Amino acid sequence: MITNQEYIRKGIHLFNLAIPLLYIYVFTDKWEFLKVLSLITVCFIIIDISRHFVPIVKSTFSFFFNNMLRDHELEGKFTGATWVMIASCISIALFSKPVAILSLIYMSLGDTAAGLIGQLYGKHRIGTKTWEGFIAGLLVCIMIAINYDMLPKYISFSGALFAMIMEILPIPLDDNFKIPLGSGGIMMMLSSPI
């Protein structure tokens, strides 16, 4: 069973789509967008660190978000939202625009689908993840790849597969960090001439 707080967390996770959508429609220049996104990311990092040491930040943050946080986030690690911002900056800085956009969409939608389906229907575990979640996330990423025209299909499909491989592997990094960077890295390698 999924708690209401987990549904809210996944709903907030869907707001990550704002980053690739802003990159497509509002900030068409990579470096202009990266300046804005970097400033916002620094704010996220400052708030994330301050929530452990500054009483007013701690009480305000706790009131709004503590019931949604994972244990490791409560114990002092960065929140998933901070990792989204860090990974978005790195993805946009390192990857071509089509690859950065797609890798961030995979992180937002694929990871959300994997988490929800895995928690609701997952029976076959791989560490803390499930095969059911992996398949659900992969299907969502494949649907995105089918409809994404900015890259050749074999690159988009490879990125979709690798996004969900990164999601299910027990690598001790936040999914919001490893999914876009892993899938984006593979798509960049495949799109680069040898």
N, C-alpha and C. Protein backbone atom coordinates (compact mmCIF):
# COMPACT_ATOMS: atom_id res chain seq x y z
N MET A 1 0.83 -1.17 0.00
CA MET A 1 0.00 0.00 0.00
C MET A 1 0.88 1.25 0.00
N ILE A 2 0.47 2.22 -0.76
CA ILE A 2 1.21 3.48 -0.85
C ILE A 2 0.50 4.52 0.01
N THR A 3 1.28 5.23 0.81
CA THR A 3 0.71 6.25 1.68
C THR A 3 0.36 7.51 0.86
N ASN A 4 -0.49 8.34 1.42
CA ASN A 4 -0.82 9.62 0.78
C ASN A 4 0.42 10.47 0.59
N GLN A 5 1.34 10.43 1.58
CA GLN A 5 2.57 11.21 1.47
C GLN A 5 3.41 10.75 0.27
N GLU A 6 3.39 9.45 0.01
CA GLU A 6 4.16 8.93 -1.14
C GLU A 6 3.53 9.39 -2.45
N TYR A 7 2.20 9.41 -2.51
CA TYR A 7 1.54 9.93 -3.71
C TYR A 7 1.87 11.41 -3.92
N ILE A 8 1.90 12.16 -2.84
CA ILE A 8 2.26 13.58 -2.93
C ILE A 8 3.70 13.72 -3.41
N ARG A 9 4.58 12.88 -2.86
CA ARG A 9 5.99 12.91 -3.28
C ARG A 9 6.12 12.61 -4.77
N LYS A 10 5.40 11.62 -5.25
CA LYS A 10 5.45 11.28 -6.68
C LYS A 10 4.82 12.38 -7.53
N GLY A 11 3.78 13.02 -7.00
CA GLY A 11 3.18 14.15 -7.72
C GLY A 11 4.16 15.31 -7.85
N ILE A 12 4.87 15.58 -6.78
CA ILE A 12 5.90 16.62 -6.83
C ILE A 12 6.99 16.22 -7.82
N HIS A 13 7.30 14.93 -7.85
CA HIS A 13 8.33 14.44 -8.77
C HIS A 13 7.95 14.73 -10.23
N LEU A 14 6.67 14.69 -10.52
CA LEU A 14 6.23 15.00 -11.89
C LEU A 14 6.48 16.46 -12.26
N PHE A 15 6.57 17.33 -11.27
CA PHE A 15 6.88 18.73 -11.55
C PHE A 15 8.29 18.91 -12.10
N ASN A 16 9.12 17.86 -11.98
CA ASN A 16 10.46 17.91 -12.59
C ASN A 16 10.37 18.12 -14.09
N LEU A 17 9.24 17.76 -14.67
CA LEU A 17 9.05 17.97 -16.11
C LEU A 17 9.17 19.44 -16.49
N ALA A 18 8.99 20.33 -15.53
CA ALA A 18 9.11 21.76 -15.81
C ALA A 18 10.50 22.09 -16.35
N ILE A 19 11.52 21.37 -15.91
CA ILE A 19 12.89 21.69 -16.34
C ILE A 19 13.08 21.43 -17.83
N PRO A 20 12.80 20.21 -18.34
CA PRO A 20 12.96 20.04 -19.79
C PRO A 20 11.98 20.88 -20.61
N LEU A 21 10.78 21.10 -20.08
CA LEU A 21 9.80 21.92 -20.82
C LEU A 21 10.27 23.38 -20.90
N LEU A 22 10.83 23.89 -19.82
CA LEU A 22 11.38 25.25 -19.87
C LEU A 22 12.55 25.33 -20.85
N TYR A 23 13.33 24.27 -20.91
CA TYR A 23 14.48 24.22 -21.83
C TYR A 23 14.01 24.21 -23.28
N ILE A 24 12.89 23.58 -23.54
CA ILE A 24 12.35 23.53 -24.91
C ILE A 24 11.71 24.86 -25.30
N TYR A 25 10.85 25.38 -24.42
CA TYR A 25 9.95 26.46 -24.82
C TYR A 25 10.32 27.86 -24.33
N VAL A 26 11.07 27.97 -23.24
CA VAL A 26 11.32 29.29 -22.68
C VAL A 26 12.79 29.69 -22.82
N PHE A 27 13.68 28.87 -22.30
CA PHE A 27 15.11 29.16 -22.34
C PHE A 27 15.75 28.35 -23.46
N THR A 28 15.68 28.85 -24.65
CA THR A 28 16.21 28.09 -25.78
C THR A 28 17.74 28.10 -25.82
N ASP A 29 18.37 29.07 -25.15
CA ASP A 29 19.83 29.12 -25.11
C ASP A 29 20.34 28.31 -23.92
N LYS A 30 21.20 27.36 -24.20
CA LYS A 30 21.74 26.46 -23.18
C LYS A 30 22.37 27.22 -22.02
N TRP A 31 23.25 28.17 -22.30
CA TRP A 31 24.02 28.82 -21.24
C TRP A 31 23.16 29.80 -20.44
N GLU A 32 22.20 30.41 -21.08
CA GLU A 32 21.26 31.29 -20.37
C GLU A 32 20.45 30.46 -19.37
N PHE A 33 19.95 29.32 -19.82
CA PHE A 33 19.16 28.45 -18.95
C PHE A 33 20.03 27.90 -17.82
N LEU A 34 21.26 27.53 -18.16
CA LEU A 34 22.15 26.96 -17.16
C LEU A 34 22.47 27.97 -16.05
N LYS A 35 22.58 29.24 -16.39
CA LYS A 35 22.80 30.27 -15.37
C LYS A 35 21.62 30.33 -14.40
N VAL A 36 20.41 30.36 -14.94
CA VAL A 36 19.21 30.42 -14.10
C VAL A 36 19.09 29.15 -13.25
N LEU A 37 19.26 28.00 -13.90
CA LEU A 37 19.12 26.72 -13.20
C LEU A 37 20.20 26.55 -12.13
N SER A 38 21.40 27.01 -12.41
CA SER A 38 22.49 26.92 -11.42
C SER A 38 22.18 27.75 -10.19
N LEU A 39 21.64 28.94 -10.38
CA LEU A 39 21.26 29.80 -9.26
C LEU A 39 20.19 29.12 -8.40
N ILE A 40 19.20 28.54 -9.06
CA ILE A 40 18.13 27.84 -8.33
C ILE A 40 18.70 26.62 -7.60
N THR A 41 19.64 25.93 -8.24
CA THR A 41 20.26 24.75 -7.63
C THR A 41 21.05 25.14 -6.38
N VAL A 42 21.78 26.23 -6.44
CA VAL A 42 22.51 26.70 -5.27
C VAL A 42 21.54 27.00 -4.13
N CYS A 43 20.40 27.58 -4.44
CA CYS A 43 19.37 27.84 -3.42
C CYS A 43 18.87 26.54 -2.81
N PHE A 44 18.63 25.53 -3.64
CA PHE A 44 18.19 24.23 -3.13
C PHE A 44 19.23 23.63 -2.20
N ILE A 45 20.50 23.72 -2.59
CA ILE A 45 21.57 23.15 -1.77
C ILE A 45 21.66 23.89 -0.43
N ILE A 46 21.58 25.22 -0.46
CA ILE A 46 21.64 26.00 0.78
C ILE A 46 20.48 25.64 1.70
N ILE A 47 19.27 25.56 1.14
CA ILE A 47 18.11 25.18 1.97
C ILE A 47 18.27 23.77 2.51
N ASP A 48 18.76 22.86 1.64
CA ASP A 48 18.91 21.46 2.06
C ASP A 48 19.91 21.34 3.21
N ILE A 49 20.99 22.08 3.16
CA ILE A 49 21.98 22.06 4.25
C ILE A 49 21.42 22.78 5.48
N SER A 50 20.79 23.93 5.25
CA SER A 50 20.27 24.75 6.36
C SER A 50 19.17 24.05 7.14
N ARG A 51 18.44 23.14 6.52
CA ARG A 51 17.33 22.50 7.23
C ARG A 51 17.81 21.65 8.40
N HIS A 52 19.11 21.42 8.49
CA HIS A 52 19.66 20.66 9.62
C HIS A 52 20.23 21.55 10.71
N PHE A 53 20.52 22.83 10.39
CA PHE A 53 21.26 23.67 11.33
C PHE A 53 20.58 25.00 11.69
N VAL A 54 19.72 25.50 10.83
CA VAL A 54 19.09 26.80 11.06
C VAL A 54 17.66 26.55 11.56
N PRO A 55 17.37 26.93 12.79
CA PRO A 55 16.08 26.57 13.40
C PRO A 55 14.84 26.97 12.58
N ILE A 56 14.80 28.16 12.03
CA ILE A 56 13.60 28.58 11.28
C ILE A 56 13.45 27.78 9.99
N VAL A 57 14.57 27.48 9.34
CA VAL A 57 14.52 26.67 8.13
C VAL A 57 14.11 25.25 8.49
N LYS A 58 14.67 24.73 9.57
CA LYS A 58 14.37 23.37 10.03
C LYS A 58 12.88 23.22 10.35
N SER A 59 12.31 24.16 11.09
CA SER A 59 10.90 24.03 11.47
C SER A 59 9.98 24.22 10.27
N THR A 60 10.29 25.16 9.40
CA THR A 60 9.46 25.39 8.21
C THR A 60 9.54 24.19 7.27
N PHE A 61 10.76 23.72 7.02
CA PHE A 61 10.95 22.57 6.13
C PHE A 61 10.26 21.34 6.70
N SER A 62 10.43 21.12 8.01
CA SER A 62 9.82 19.96 8.66
C SER A 62 8.30 19.99 8.53
N PHE A 63 7.71 21.17 8.74
CA PHE A 63 6.26 21.30 8.67
C PHE A 63 5.72 20.89 7.31
N PHE A 64 6.39 21.32 6.24
CA PHE A 64 5.89 21.08 4.89
C PHE A 64 6.33 19.74 4.29
N PHE A 65 7.54 19.27 4.62
CA PHE A 65 8.10 18.16 3.84
C PHE A 65 8.51 16.91 4.61
N ASN A 66 8.71 16.99 5.92
CA ASN A 66 9.28 15.83 6.62
C ASN A 66 8.47 14.55 6.47
N ASN A 67 7.16 14.65 6.36
CA ASN A 67 6.36 13.42 6.24
C ASN A 67 6.52 12.75 4.87
N MET A 68 7.17 13.44 3.92
CA MET A 68 7.40 12.85 2.60
C MET A 68 8.83 12.36 2.41
N LEU A 69 9.71 12.70 3.32
CA LEU A 69 11.12 12.39 3.12
C LEU A 69 11.45 10.94 3.43
N ARG A 70 12.41 10.42 2.73
CA ARG A 70 12.95 9.08 2.99
C ARG A 70 13.83 9.16 4.26
N ASP A 71 14.09 8.00 4.85
CA ASP A 71 14.90 7.96 6.07
C ASP A 71 16.28 8.59 5.87
N HIS A 72 16.93 8.27 4.74
CA HIS A 72 18.28 8.81 4.51
C HIS A 72 18.25 10.33 4.34
N GLU A 73 17.14 10.87 3.83
CA GLU A 73 17.01 12.32 3.70
C GLU A 73 16.80 12.96 5.07
N LEU A 74 16.05 12.30 5.93
CA LEU A 74 15.85 12.80 7.29
C LEU A 74 17.14 12.75 8.10
N GLU A 75 17.99 11.80 7.76
CA GLU A 75 19.25 11.63 8.50
C GLU A 75 20.36 12.56 8.01
N GLY A 76 20.08 13.39 7.02
CA GLY A 76 21.08 14.38 6.63
C GLY A 76 21.50 14.38 5.18
N LYS A 77 21.12 13.38 4.42
CA LYS A 77 21.47 13.37 3.00
C LYS A 77 20.61 14.38 2.25
N PHE A 78 21.09 14.77 1.06
CA PHE A 78 20.29 15.67 0.22
C PHE A 78 18.95 15.03 -0.12
N THR A 79 17.94 15.87 -0.30
CA THR A 79 16.63 15.39 -0.74
C THR A 79 16.68 15.04 -2.22
N GLY A 80 15.68 14.28 -2.66
CA GLY A 80 15.57 13.96 -4.08
C GLY A 80 15.46 15.21 -4.94
N ALA A 81 14.78 16.23 -4.43
CA ALA A 81 14.61 17.48 -5.19
C ALA A 81 15.96 18.15 -5.44
N THR A 82 16.83 18.14 -4.45
CA THR A 82 18.16 18.74 -4.63
C THR A 82 18.95 17.95 -5.67
N TRP A 83 18.84 16.61 -5.63
CA TRP A 83 19.54 15.79 -6.63
C TRP A 83 18.98 16.04 -8.03
N VAL A 84 17.68 16.28 -8.14
CA VAL A 84 17.09 16.62 -9.44
C VAL A 84 17.76 17.87 -10.00
N MET A 85 17.90 18.88 -9.16
CA MET A 85 18.49 20.14 -9.61
C MET A 85 19.95 19.97 -9.99
N ILE A 86 20.71 19.24 -9.19
CA ILE A 86 22.13 19.02 -9.49
C ILE A 86 22.28 18.25 -10.80
N ALA A 87 21.51 17.16 -10.95
CA ALA A 87 21.58 16.35 -12.17
C ALA A 87 21.12 17.13 -13.40
N SER A 88 20.14 18.00 -13.22
CA SER A 88 19.66 18.81 -14.34
C SER A 88 20.75 19.76 -14.83
N CYS A 89 21.43 20.40 -13.90
CA CYS A 89 22.53 21.30 -14.28
C CYS A 89 23.64 20.54 -15.00
N ILE A 90 24.03 19.41 -14.46
CA ILE A 90 25.10 18.63 -15.09
C ILE A 90 24.66 18.13 -16.46
N SER A 91 23.44 17.63 -16.57
CA SER A 91 22.93 17.11 -17.85
C SER A 91 22.90 18.21 -18.91
N ILE A 92 22.40 19.36 -18.55
CA ILE A 92 22.30 20.46 -19.52
C ILE A 92 23.69 20.97 -19.90
N ALA A 93 24.61 20.98 -18.94
CA ALA A 93 25.98 21.44 -19.22
C ALA A 93 26.73 20.46 -20.12
N LEU A 94 26.56 19.16 -19.90
CA LEU A 94 27.38 18.16 -20.59
C LEU A 94 26.78 17.61 -21.88
N PHE A 95 25.47 17.53 -21.94
CA PHE A 95 24.82 16.84 -23.05
C PHE A 95 24.27 17.82 -24.08
N SER A 96 24.09 17.31 -25.28
CA SER A 96 23.40 18.11 -26.29
C SER A 96 21.97 18.37 -25.81
N LYS A 97 21.35 19.39 -26.35
CA LYS A 97 20.01 19.75 -25.91
C LYS A 97 19.02 18.60 -26.06
N PRO A 98 18.97 17.90 -27.21
CA PRO A 98 18.00 16.79 -27.33
C PRO A 98 18.24 15.68 -26.31
N VAL A 99 19.50 15.38 -26.02
CA VAL A 99 19.83 14.33 -25.06
C VAL A 99 19.48 14.78 -23.64
N ALA A 100 19.83 16.00 -23.28
CA ALA A 100 19.52 16.50 -21.93
C ALA A 100 18.02 16.49 -21.68
N ILE A 101 17.26 16.97 -22.65
CA ILE A 101 15.79 17.01 -22.50
C ILE A 101 15.24 15.60 -22.28
N LEU A 102 15.64 14.67 -23.14
CA LEU A 102 15.09 13.32 -23.04
C LEU A 102 15.51 12.62 -21.75
N SER A 103 16.77 12.77 -21.35
CA SER A 103 17.22 12.11 -20.12
C SER A 103 16.47 12.65 -18.89
N LEU A 104 16.14 13.95 -18.90
CA LEU A 104 15.40 14.52 -17.78
C LEU A 104 13.93 14.09 -17.79
N ILE A 105 13.38 13.89 -18.98
CA ILE A 105 12.00 13.37 -19.06
C ILE A 105 11.96 11.92 -18.57
N TYR A 106 12.96 11.12 -18.95
CA TYR A 106 13.02 9.73 -18.45
C TYR A 106 13.08 9.71 -16.93
N MET A 107 13.89 10.61 -16.35
CA MET A 107 14.00 10.66 -14.89
C MET A 107 12.66 11.00 -14.26
N SER A 108 11.97 11.96 -14.82
CA SER A 108 10.72 12.41 -14.22
C SER A 108 9.61 11.37 -14.36
N LEU A 109 9.37 10.92 -15.58
CA LEU A 109 8.23 10.02 -15.83
C LEU A 109 8.57 8.55 -15.60
N GLY A 110 9.72 8.11 -16.06
CA GLY A 110 10.09 6.70 -15.91
C GLY A 110 10.29 6.31 -14.46
N ASP A 111 10.99 7.16 -13.72
CA ASP A 111 11.23 6.86 -12.30
C ASP A 111 9.93 6.90 -11.50
N THR A 112 9.05 7.84 -11.84
CA THR A 112 7.76 7.91 -11.14
C THR A 112 6.94 6.64 -11.39
N ALA A 113 6.87 6.20 -12.65
CA ALA A 113 6.12 4.98 -12.98
C ALA A 113 6.74 3.76 -12.29
N ALA A 114 8.06 3.67 -12.32
CA ALA A 114 8.73 2.53 -11.68
C ALA A 114 8.44 2.50 -10.19
N GLY A 115 8.48 3.67 -9.55
CA GLY A 115 8.23 3.73 -8.11
C GLY A 115 6.81 3.36 -7.74
N LEU A 116 5.85 3.95 -8.46
CA LEU A 116 4.44 3.67 -8.12
C LEU A 116 4.07 2.22 -8.39
N ILE A 117 4.38 1.72 -9.58
CA ILE A 117 4.01 0.34 -9.93
C ILE A 117 4.78 -0.65 -9.07
N GLY A 118 6.05 -0.36 -8.83
CA GLY A 118 6.84 -1.24 -7.98
C GLY A 118 6.28 -1.34 -6.57
N GLN A 119 5.83 -0.22 -6.03
CA GLN A 119 5.27 -0.24 -4.68
C GLN A 119 3.88 -0.87 -4.63
N LEU A 120 3.11 -0.66 -5.68
CA LEU A 120 1.74 -1.21 -5.70
C LEU A 120 1.71 -2.70 -6.04
N TYR A 121 2.49 -3.11 -7.03
CA TYR A 121 2.36 -4.47 -7.57
C TYR A 121 3.64 -5.29 -7.50
N GLY A 122 4.71 -4.70 -7.02
CA GLY A 122 6.00 -5.38 -7.03
C GLY A 122 6.07 -6.58 -6.12
N LYS A 123 6.43 -7.71 -6.70
CA LYS A 123 6.58 -8.94 -5.92
C LYS A 123 7.98 -9.55 -6.11
N HIS A 124 8.62 -9.23 -7.20
CA HIS A 124 9.92 -9.81 -7.52
C HIS A 124 11.01 -8.76 -7.30
N ARG A 125 11.68 -8.87 -6.16
CA ARG A 125 12.60 -7.84 -5.71
C ARG A 125 14.02 -8.02 -6.25
N ILE A 126 14.63 -6.85 -6.45
CA ILE A 126 16.07 -6.73 -6.69
C ILE A 126 16.52 -5.66 -5.71
N GLY A 127 16.99 -6.07 -4.55
CA GLY A 127 17.30 -5.10 -3.50
C GLY A 127 16.02 -4.41 -3.05
N THR A 128 15.99 -3.08 -3.14
CA THR A 128 14.79 -2.33 -2.74
C THR A 128 13.86 -2.06 -3.92
N LYS A 129 14.25 -2.49 -5.12
CA LYS A 129 13.46 -2.25 -6.35
C LYS A 129 12.76 -3.55 -6.76
N THR A 130 11.87 -3.44 -7.76
CA THR A 130 11.18 -4.64 -8.24
C THR A 130 11.23 -4.70 -9.76
N TRP A 131 11.12 -5.93 -10.27
CA TRP A 131 11.05 -6.12 -11.72
C TRP A 131 9.80 -5.46 -12.29
N GLU A 132 8.71 -5.52 -11.54
CA GLU A 132 7.46 -4.91 -12.01
C GLU A 132 7.61 -3.40 -12.19
N GLY A 133 8.29 -2.77 -11.25
CA GLY A 133 8.57 -1.35 -11.37
C GLY A 133 9.49 -1.05 -12.54
N PHE A 134 10.51 -1.88 -12.71
CA PHE A 134 11.43 -1.73 -13.83
C PHE A 134 10.69 -1.79 -15.16
N ILE A 135 9.84 -2.78 -15.32
CA ILE A 135 9.10 -2.95 -16.58
C ILE A 135 8.15 -1.77 -16.81
N ALA A 136 7.46 -1.33 -15.76
CA ALA A 136 6.55 -0.19 -15.90
C ALA A 136 7.32 1.07 -16.31
N GLY A 137 8.44 1.33 -15.65
CA GLY A 137 9.26 2.48 -16.00
C GLY A 137 9.79 2.39 -17.41
N LEU A 138 10.21 1.18 -17.81
CA LEU A 138 10.73 0.99 -19.16
C LEU A 138 9.64 1.22 -20.20
N LEU A 139 8.43 0.73 -19.95
CA LEU A 139 7.33 0.94 -20.90
C LEU A 139 7.01 2.43 -21.06
N VAL A 140 7.03 3.16 -19.96
CA VAL A 140 6.79 4.61 -20.02
C VAL A 140 7.90 5.28 -20.83
N CYS A 141 9.14 4.92 -20.56
CA CYS A 141 10.27 5.50 -21.29
C CYS A 141 10.23 5.15 -22.77
N ILE A 142 9.81 3.93 -23.10
CA ILE A 142 9.69 3.53 -24.51
C ILE A 142 8.59 4.34 -25.21
N MET A 143 7.48 4.57 -24.52
CA MET A 143 6.41 5.40 -25.11
C MET A 143 6.91 6.82 -25.38
N ILE A 144 7.71 7.33 -24.45
CA ILE A 144 8.30 8.66 -24.66
C ILE A 144 9.24 8.63 -25.86
N ALA A 145 10.08 7.60 -25.94
CA ALA A 145 11.05 7.48 -27.05
C ALA A 145 10.34 7.40 -28.40
N ILE A 146 9.24 6.69 -28.45
CA ILE A 146 8.48 6.55 -29.70
C ILE A 146 8.01 7.92 -30.19
N ASN A 147 7.66 8.79 -29.27
CA ASN A 147 7.09 10.09 -29.62
C ASN A 147 8.12 11.23 -29.63
N TYR A 148 9.37 10.93 -29.40
CA TYR A 148 10.42 11.95 -29.32
C TYR A 148 11.17 11.98 -30.65
N ASP A 149 11.07 13.08 -31.35
CA ASP A 149 11.62 13.16 -32.71
C ASP A 149 12.95 13.89 -32.81
N MET A 150 13.54 14.28 -31.70
CA MET A 150 14.78 15.06 -31.76
C MET A 150 16.04 14.19 -31.85
N LEU A 151 15.88 12.88 -31.72
CA LEU A 151 17.01 11.94 -31.80
C LEU A 151 16.58 10.73 -32.63
N PRO A 152 17.56 10.03 -33.24
CA PRO A 152 17.21 8.77 -33.90
C PRO A 152 16.62 7.78 -32.88
N LYS A 153 15.70 6.97 -33.35
CA LYS A 153 14.98 6.06 -32.44
C LYS A 153 15.91 5.11 -31.69
N TYR A 154 16.95 4.59 -32.35
CA TYR A 154 17.81 3.64 -31.65
C TYR A 154 18.54 4.31 -30.48
N ILE A 155 18.81 5.60 -30.58
CA ILE A 155 19.43 6.33 -29.47
C ILE A 155 18.42 6.55 -28.36
N SER A 156 17.22 6.97 -28.72
CA SER A 156 16.17 7.19 -27.71
C SER A 156 15.82 5.90 -26.98
N PHE A 157 15.70 4.78 -27.72
CA PHE A 157 15.38 3.50 -27.10
C PHE A 157 16.51 3.02 -26.19
N SER A 158 17.75 3.22 -26.62
CA SER A 158 18.89 2.84 -25.78
C SER A 158 18.90 3.65 -24.50
N GLY A 159 18.60 4.94 -24.62
CA GLY A 159 18.51 5.79 -23.43
C GLY A 159 17.41 5.35 -22.49
N ALA A 160 16.27 4.94 -23.06
CA ALA A 160 15.15 4.45 -22.25
C ALA A 160 15.55 3.21 -21.45
N LEU A 161 16.17 2.26 -22.13
CA LEU A 161 16.61 1.04 -21.47
C LEU A 161 17.64 1.35 -20.38
N PHE A 162 18.60 2.18 -20.72
CA PHE A 162 19.65 2.47 -19.75
C PHE A 162 19.13 3.28 -18.57
N ALA A 163 18.14 4.15 -18.80
CA ALA A 163 17.55 4.90 -17.69
C ALA A 163 16.99 3.94 -16.65
N MET A 164 16.29 2.92 -17.10
CA MET A 164 15.68 1.99 -16.15
C MET A 164 16.68 0.99 -15.58
N ILE A 165 17.74 0.69 -16.34
CA ILE A 165 18.83 -0.11 -15.76
C ILE A 165 19.47 0.66 -14.62
N MET A 166 19.69 1.96 -14.83
CA MET A 166 20.26 2.78 -13.76
C MET A 166 19.31 2.85 -12.56
N GLU A 167 18.01 2.86 -12.83
CA GLU A 167 17.03 2.93 -11.74
C GLU A 167 17.05 1.67 -10.88
N ILE A 168 17.21 0.53 -11.50
CA ILE A 168 17.10 -0.73 -10.76
C ILE A 168 18.43 -1.20 -10.15
N LEU A 169 19.54 -0.76 -10.71
CA LEU A 169 20.83 -1.19 -10.17
C LEU A 169 21.04 -0.65 -8.76
N PRO A 170 21.57 -1.48 -7.86
CA PRO A 170 21.77 -1.03 -6.48
C PRO A 170 23.03 -0.17 -6.32
N ILE A 171 23.14 0.86 -7.14
CA ILE A 171 24.26 1.80 -7.05
C ILE A 171 23.88 2.82 -5.97
N PRO A 172 24.76 3.09 -5.01
CA PRO A 172 24.39 3.97 -3.89
C PRO A 172 24.38 5.46 -4.26
N LEU A 173 23.63 5.79 -5.30
CA LEU A 173 23.41 7.18 -5.70
C LEU A 173 21.91 7.37 -5.84
N ASP A 174 21.45 8.59 -5.67
CA ASP A 174 20.03 8.90 -5.81
C ASP A 174 19.58 8.67 -7.25
N ASP A 175 18.40 8.08 -7.44
CA ASP A 175 17.85 7.83 -8.78
C ASP A 175 17.75 9.11 -9.60
N ASN A 176 17.42 10.20 -8.94
CA ASN A 176 17.27 11.47 -9.64
C ASN A 176 18.60 11.97 -10.20
N PHE A 177 19.68 11.44 -9.71
CA PHE A 177 21.02 11.77 -10.20
C PHE A 177 21.49 10.77 -11.24
N LYS A 178 21.37 9.48 -10.92
CA LYS A 178 21.96 8.47 -11.80
C LYS A 178 21.14 8.21 -13.06
N ILE A 179 19.82 8.39 -13.04
CA ILE A 179 19.01 8.13 -14.24
C ILE A 179 19.34 9.10 -15.37
N PRO A 180 19.25 10.43 -15.15
CA PRO A 180 19.55 11.31 -16.29
C PRO A 180 21.01 11.26 -16.73
N LEU A 181 21.92 11.14 -15.78
CA LEU A 181 23.33 11.12 -16.17
C LEU A 181 23.71 9.81 -16.85
N GLY A 182 23.17 8.70 -16.37
CA GLY A 182 23.46 7.41 -17.01
C GLY A 182 22.85 7.30 -18.39
N SER A 183 21.56 7.63 -18.51
CA SER A 183 20.90 7.51 -19.82
C SER A 183 21.44 8.57 -20.78
N GLY A 184 21.69 9.77 -20.29
CA GLY A 184 22.25 10.81 -21.15
C GLY A 184 23.65 10.47 -21.63
N GLY A 185 24.45 9.88 -20.75
CA GLY A 185 25.80 9.46 -21.15
C GLY A 185 25.78 8.43 -22.26
N ILE A 186 24.90 7.45 -22.17
CA ILE A 186 24.78 6.43 -23.21
C ILE A 186 24.30 7.05 -24.52
N MET A 187 23.30 7.93 -24.44
CA MET A 187 22.79 8.55 -25.66
C MET A 187 23.84 9.43 -26.33
N MET A 188 24.66 10.11 -25.52
CA MET A 188 25.73 10.92 -26.09
C MET A 188 26.78 10.05 -26.77
N MET A 189 27.13 8.93 -26.14
CA MET A 189 28.10 8.02 -26.75
C MET A 189 27.60 7.47 -28.07
N LEU A 190 26.31 7.11 -28.11
CA LEU A 190 25.74 6.56 -29.35
C LEU A 190 25.59 7.62 -30.43
N SER A 191 25.43 8.88 -30.05
CA SER A 191 25.23 9.90 -31.06
C SER A 191 26.53 10.56 -31.51
N SER A 192 27.66 10.19 -30.86
CA SER A 192 28.94 10.75 -31.25
C SER A 192 29.61 9.88 -32.31
N PRO A 193 30.18 10.51 -33.33
CA PRO A 193 30.89 9.73 -34.34
C PRO A 193 32.16 9.13 -33.74
N ILE A 194 32.46 7.91 -34.16
CA ILE A 194 33.65 7.21 -33.63
C ILE A 194 34.82 7.47 -34.55
